[in-house]
Amino acid sequence: QALPPQLQGSTSVGVGGPRSAGWGPRCRAVAAGPSHGWSVGAMKLVNKGFDKDGSGSATLIAEESEDLWHLYNIVAKGDTVKASTIRKIQKEGSTGSVQTETKKIMITIEVKAIEYDAAGDRIRFSGKNCEENQWVKMGAHHTIEVELNNKLTIGKERWDFMHLQSLNDATDVHKTAEAAVILIEAGIANFHLLTAVLAKDVHRVSVSLPRKRLTTTGYDKAIARFFEQVYAGVRDHINLDLVKCVVLAGPGFVRDDFQTWMLQRANAQGDVQILQKKSIFVSAHTSCVHRQALKELLADDQVQKSISNTKAAEHLKALESFYQLVKSEPDRICYGPKQSKEAIEKGAVATLMVTDSLFRNANVSTRRQYVELTESVREQGSVVHVFSSQHVTGQQLSQLSGIACILRFPLPELEDIDSDGRLSGDEDDVDAGKGFGFDEDTDAFM
């Protein structure tokens, strides 16, 4: 099978993966302030109810940033969302004068558009009022803005397989943050937390350091102040009871110097938690302390061992296997909607990899086809990996049109099918992260 440009010479999803400069949309948010660490728990499910025809509703409370991302994947155009909101209400007085009052009301809208704001930890649902309301006319346009700890009820005419899977994932009580990463060099430390679906910025330390002179007293004092702030960041922004590992990474030796200093400080202060968790701290080399270093880390052998039981590691392993077959047995892989559909119909798929953005397709018919393909693979007893488009692995898969397969047996005839061809009825209106808070700054996100 002739290899397209994005696969030629690619055997790894690490630094040498295809188009390694492509990082996709930015996900940027900073923790609100010191706390007992950024944690990930299940989104609160208040209640749910489904009828035999698949219709029904679920009432949820988004308590963490990851919950908002799940909502973005659950709610689709045509669904109903019920939540409290703020709206300006006009009242006419006895004299005929009109007064405007801002009022908090409960409203139900039929969703027409969705905007996910990663930086502001909020999601906006725009649409028309679809239930009788004394304050808002039927059919009137309104936008509901949902932030953390807001309650909303989602109604659907049909909760399909992927919607139910997303709901189960969102409310899984066993969900945890998978890894914390501190990208550190002299004077700069960037804190990130990796979950199964998000890579989130949670803290940043920046300290100006003097240049080293004949005497290093001033520099040593500045480094000590810097280490103090990084140490405080570990205590305030990483929940050591949740994460499987904390990766200290950077281009030089500052990461190792900090780890030594941190353990000495923990001993001196009797910091039992850090001393008990010292085995989860891992040191690794990266070329820089910016976002693209997160991609390098997932390809690092030592880091892979530390996160071996995480979803990110499973996805990484699947992608690695795919790229190895690209080099050794190209007839045992395929990618793109049309090639994948043909392979699935032939029962040839051993592993299906698909990004969640395909299930946000604005074309309902096309979305249904992706859901049916995914269900078909599961029914065949094969492995299905749904990659988050907010994660490094999902960004890698997006470069292959968002869907790829490892085959049970070679299918050389797939070479005649256009790997860029879309499914029937597909349009260019695929929602792969459009909306407030997303852009194409390729250096900004993993």
Foldseek 3Di string as FASTA:
>chain_A
DDDDPQQVPAQALFCRHGPLLFFFWFQEAAAPDFDQAQKDFAWDWPDWDADPQAWTKTKTAAAHLVLLVLVVLQDAQQKKKKFKAWDWFWDADPVRDIDIDIDIDIFIFRFDDKFDANHVQKIKTWGFTCDDDPGDDGRDIDIGIHHHGTMMMITDPHCDPVSVVSNCVRRPRPFIFAEWEWEDDVQKTWIWTHGQFATYTHDIGGFDADDADPDCVRRVVRSVVSLVVVLSCCRGHHNLVGYLAYEYEYADCSSVVSLVVSVVVCVVVVVVSCVVSVVRYHYDYAHHRAASSVSNQLRDPVSCVSSVPHLSSVLSVVVSVQSNCVPVPVLQKAAADVLLVVCLVVLFFQEKEFESLQCRANQPVSNVVVSVSQVSCVVSVHHYRYHHCNDSSQSSCVVQVGIMGGTPDGDVVSVPPDRHDGDPPGDPRRCPNDHHNTDRPSRNRD
